[in-house]
N, C-alpha and C. Protein backbone atom coordinates (compact mmCIF):
# COMPACT_ATOMS: atom_id res chain seq x y z
N MET A 1 1.01 -1.20 0.13
CA MET A 1 0.01 -0.03 -0.16
C MET A 1 0.65 1.31 -0.04
N ALA A 2 1.89 1.57 0.99
CA ALA A 2 2.39 2.72 1.37
C ALA A 2 3.80 2.28 0.21
N HIS A 3 3.92 3.56 -0.56
CA HIS A 3 4.96 3.38 -1.29
C HIS A 3 5.64 5.03 -1.15
N LEU A 4 7.33 5.15 -1.01
CA LEU A 4 7.29 6.21 -0.92
C LEU A 4 8.20 6.67 -2.33
N THR A 5 8.07 7.42 -3.00
CA THR A 5 8.53 7.78 -4.30
C THR A 5 9.50 8.90 -4.80
N PHE A 6 10.70 9.08 -5.48
CA PHE A 6 11.00 10.56 -5.36
C PHE A 6 10.91 10.85 -6.83
N ASP A 7 10.32 12.53 -7.24
CA ASP A 7 10.34 12.74 -8.63
C ASP A 7 11.94 12.66 -9.06
N ALA A 8 12.03 12.99 -10.46
CA ALA A 8 13.09 13.03 -11.28
C ALA A 8 14.26 13.94 -10.30
N ALA A 9 13.75 15.24 -10.07
CA ALA A 9 14.98 15.90 -9.44
C ALA A 9 15.03 15.61 -7.96
N GLU A 10 14.57 15.01 -7.22
CA GLU A 10 14.64 14.50 -6.26
C GLU A 10 15.56 13.14 -6.48
N GLN A 11 15.44 12.37 -7.22
CA GLN A 11 16.29 11.60 -7.43
C GLN A 11 17.68 11.76 -7.70
N GLN A 12 17.59 12.97 -8.86
CA GLN A 12 19.27 13.30 -9.39
C GLN A 12 19.72 13.80 -7.89
N LEU A 13 19.17 14.72 -7.19
CA LEU A 13 19.66 14.80 -5.96
C LEU A 13 20.35 14.34 -4.77
N LEU A 14 19.40 13.05 -4.84
CA LEU A 14 19.88 11.74 -3.85
C LEU A 14 21.33 11.43 -4.53
N ARG A 15 21.43 11.16 -6.01
CA ARG A 15 22.06 10.39 -6.32
C ARG A 15 23.58 11.36 -6.34
N GLU A 16 23.19 12.37 -6.27
CA GLU A 16 24.72 13.37 -6.20
C GLU A 16 24.99 13.30 -4.88
N ALA A 17 24.57 13.37 -3.60
CA ALA A 17 24.86 13.24 -2.47
C ALA A 17 25.25 11.84 -1.99
N ALA A 18 25.10 11.08 -2.49
CA ALA A 18 25.37 9.45 -2.13
C ALA A 18 26.55 9.49 -2.75
N ARG A 19 26.86 9.70 -4.20
CA ARG A 19 28.29 9.78 -4.50
C ARG A 19 29.32 10.58 -3.67
N ALA A 20 28.82 12.08 -3.37
CA ALA A 20 29.75 12.55 -2.91
C ALA A 20 29.62 12.43 -1.30
N GLU A 21 29.10 11.59 -0.62
CA GLU A 21 28.97 11.67 0.72
C GLU A 21 29.79 10.04 1.16
N PHE A 22 29.91 9.53 -0.01
CA PHE A 22 30.07 7.89 0.08
C PHE A 22 31.18 7.79 -1.06
N PRO A 23 32.22 8.47 -1.47
CA PRO A 23 33.31 8.11 -2.52
C PRO A 23 33.96 6.92 -2.02
N GLY A 24 34.09 7.07 -1.02
CA GLY A 24 35.09 5.76 -0.58
C GLY A 24 34.42 4.25 -0.05
N ASN A 25 33.00 4.24 -0.49
CA ASN A 25 32.32 3.26 -0.69
C ASN A 25 30.87 3.26 -1.70
N PRO A 26 31.61 2.19 -2.86
CA PRO A 26 30.33 2.49 -3.87
C PRO A 26 29.54 1.55 -3.74
N ALA A 27 29.82 0.38 -2.76
CA ALA A 27 28.45 -0.37 -2.39
C ALA A 27 27.20 -0.03 -1.95
N LEU A 28 27.68 1.38 -0.90
CA LEU A 28 26.85 2.16 -0.18
C LEU A 28 26.07 3.44 -1.27
N ALA A 29 27.03 3.71 -2.08
CA ALA A 29 26.14 4.75 -2.87
C ALA A 29 24.90 3.87 -3.47
N TYR A 30 25.79 3.04 -4.22
CA TYR A 30 24.74 2.20 -5.01
C TYR A 30 23.49 1.76 -4.62
N VAL A 31 23.73 1.36 -3.02
CA VAL A 31 22.05 1.11 -2.47
C VAL A 31 21.43 2.46 -2.53
N LEU A 32 22.11 3.36 -2.09
CA LEU A 32 21.52 4.64 -1.87
C LEU A 32 20.49 5.32 -3.54
N GLU A 33 21.37 5.07 -4.50
CA GLU A 33 21.10 5.39 -5.49
C GLU A 33 19.97 4.43 -6.13
N ASN A 34 19.75 3.34 -5.59
CA ASN A 34 18.81 2.40 -5.90
C ASN A 34 17.36 2.91 -5.13
N LEU A 35 17.68 3.21 -4.09
CA LEU A 35 16.46 3.72 -3.12
C LEU A 35 16.14 4.98 -3.99
N ALA A 36 16.66 5.68 -4.72
CA ALA A 36 16.08 7.05 -5.09
C ALA A 36 15.44 6.58 -6.32
N ALA A 37 15.99 5.60 -7.39
CA ALA A 37 15.19 5.30 -8.39
C ALA A 37 14.08 4.36 -8.36
N GLU A 38 14.11 3.84 -7.39
CA GLU A 38 13.04 2.88 -6.73
C GLU A 38 12.09 2.83 -6.05
N GLY A 39 12.49 3.97 -4.96
CA GLY A 39 11.27 4.56 -3.95
C GLY A 39 11.67 3.29 -2.86
N ILE A 40 10.82 3.25 -1.57
CA ILE A 40 10.96 2.65 -0.57
C ILE A 40 9.34 1.81 -0.61
N ASP A 41 9.13 0.73 -0.32
CA ASP A 41 8.33 0.00 -0.17
C ASP A 41 7.79 -0.19 1.78
N LEU A 42 7.20 1.07 2.09
CA LEU A 42 7.20 0.98 3.64
C LEU A 42 6.28 -0.17 4.04
N ASP A 43 5.24 -1.21 3.24
CA ASP A 43 4.74 -2.10 3.91
C ASP A 43 5.79 -3.23 3.83
N ARG A 44 7.07 -3.37 3.15
CA ARG A 44 8.15 -4.40 3.19
C ARG A 44 8.92 -4.06 4.23
N CYS A 45 9.07 -3.20 5.12
CA CYS A 45 10.22 -2.79 5.78
C CYS A 45 9.64 -3.62 7.21
N ARG A 46 10.92 -3.94 7.62
CA ARG A 46 10.87 -4.92 8.97
C ARG A 46 11.69 -4.33 9.77
N ASP A 47 11.07 -4.40 11.20
CA ASP A 47 11.45 -4.09 12.64
C ASP A 47 13.23 -4.31 12.90
N TRP A 48 13.85 -3.67 13.37
CA TRP A 48 15.21 -3.97 14.01
C TRP A 48 15.42 -5.36 14.68
N ASP A 49 14.48 -5.16 15.79
CA ASP A 49 14.48 -6.75 16.44
C ASP A 49 14.34 -7.90 15.59
N ASP A 50 13.40 -7.54 14.86
CA ASP A 50 12.97 -8.66 13.80
C ASP A 50 14.48 -9.44 12.94
N ILE A 51 14.90 -8.40 12.45
CA ILE A 51 16.21 -8.78 11.85
C ILE A 51 17.36 -9.72 12.76
N ARG A 52 17.41 -8.82 13.81
CA ARG A 52 18.42 -9.15 14.51
C ARG A 52 18.05 -10.96 15.08
N ALA A 53 16.66 -10.95 15.21
CA ALA A 53 16.11 -12.20 15.63
C ALA A 53 16.42 -13.45 14.47
N GLU A 54 16.40 -13.17 13.48
CA GLU A 54 16.84 -13.65 12.10
C GLU A 54 18.12 -13.84 11.83
N LYS A 55 18.75 -12.85 12.34
CA LYS A 55 20.28 -13.46 12.48
C LYS A 55 20.83 -13.91 13.24
N GLY A 56 20.19 -14.19 14.17
CA GLY A 56 20.73 -14.94 15.79
C GLY A 56 21.48 -14.21 16.34
N LEU A 57 21.37 -12.66 16.38
CA LEU A 57 21.94 -12.03 17.06
C LEU A 57 21.07 -11.57 18.43
N PRO A 58 22.24 -10.87 19.32
CA PRO A 58 21.30 -11.13 20.56
C PRO A 58 20.55 -9.73 20.85
N GLU A 59 19.33 -9.51 21.62
CA GLU A 59 18.69 -9.13 21.88
C GLU A 59 19.50 -7.57 22.21
N GLN A 60 19.33 -6.45 21.73
CA GLN A 60 19.78 -5.08 22.35
C GLN A 60 19.42 -5.02 23.75
N SER A 61 20.65 -4.51 24.74
CA SER A 61 20.02 -4.40 25.88
C SER A 61 20.25 -3.03 26.47
N ASP A 62 20.01 -2.33 27.49
CA ASP A 62 20.38 -0.99 27.70
C ASP A 62 21.65 -0.45 28.13
N GLU A 63 22.17 -1.95 28.09
CA GLU A 63 23.75 -1.37 28.60
C GLU A 63 24.53 -1.35 27.13
N ALA A 64 24.21 -1.91 26.09
CA ALA A 64 24.94 -2.07 24.93
C ALA A 64 24.98 -0.53 24.73
N PRO A 65 26.26 -0.04 23.94
CA PRO A 65 26.35 1.14 23.40
C PRO A 65 25.38 1.71 22.25
N HIS A 66 24.98 2.66 22.19
CA HIS A 66 24.07 3.13 21.20
C HIS A 66 24.95 3.87 20.04
N VAL A 67 24.82 3.26 19.07
CA VAL A 67 25.80 3.68 17.96
C VAL A 67 24.50 4.40 16.88
N ALA A 68 25.18 5.85 16.80
CA ALA A 68 24.00 6.91 15.46
C ALA A 68 24.65 6.29 14.26
């Protein structure tokens, strides 16, 4: 149902920003450029806790450092 899309001008700005911000990481720039082109299907987004459980990672505790 919910799908976030970008118009052509926004797509171009996002692509330029991805290339400028991540020149040493072409894989990350590619992912961001792809999101700009295809948009984001919000109905397919998953919660971080679900992803952690799927990957077998421990639950995040309040004692663990938070990384921004």
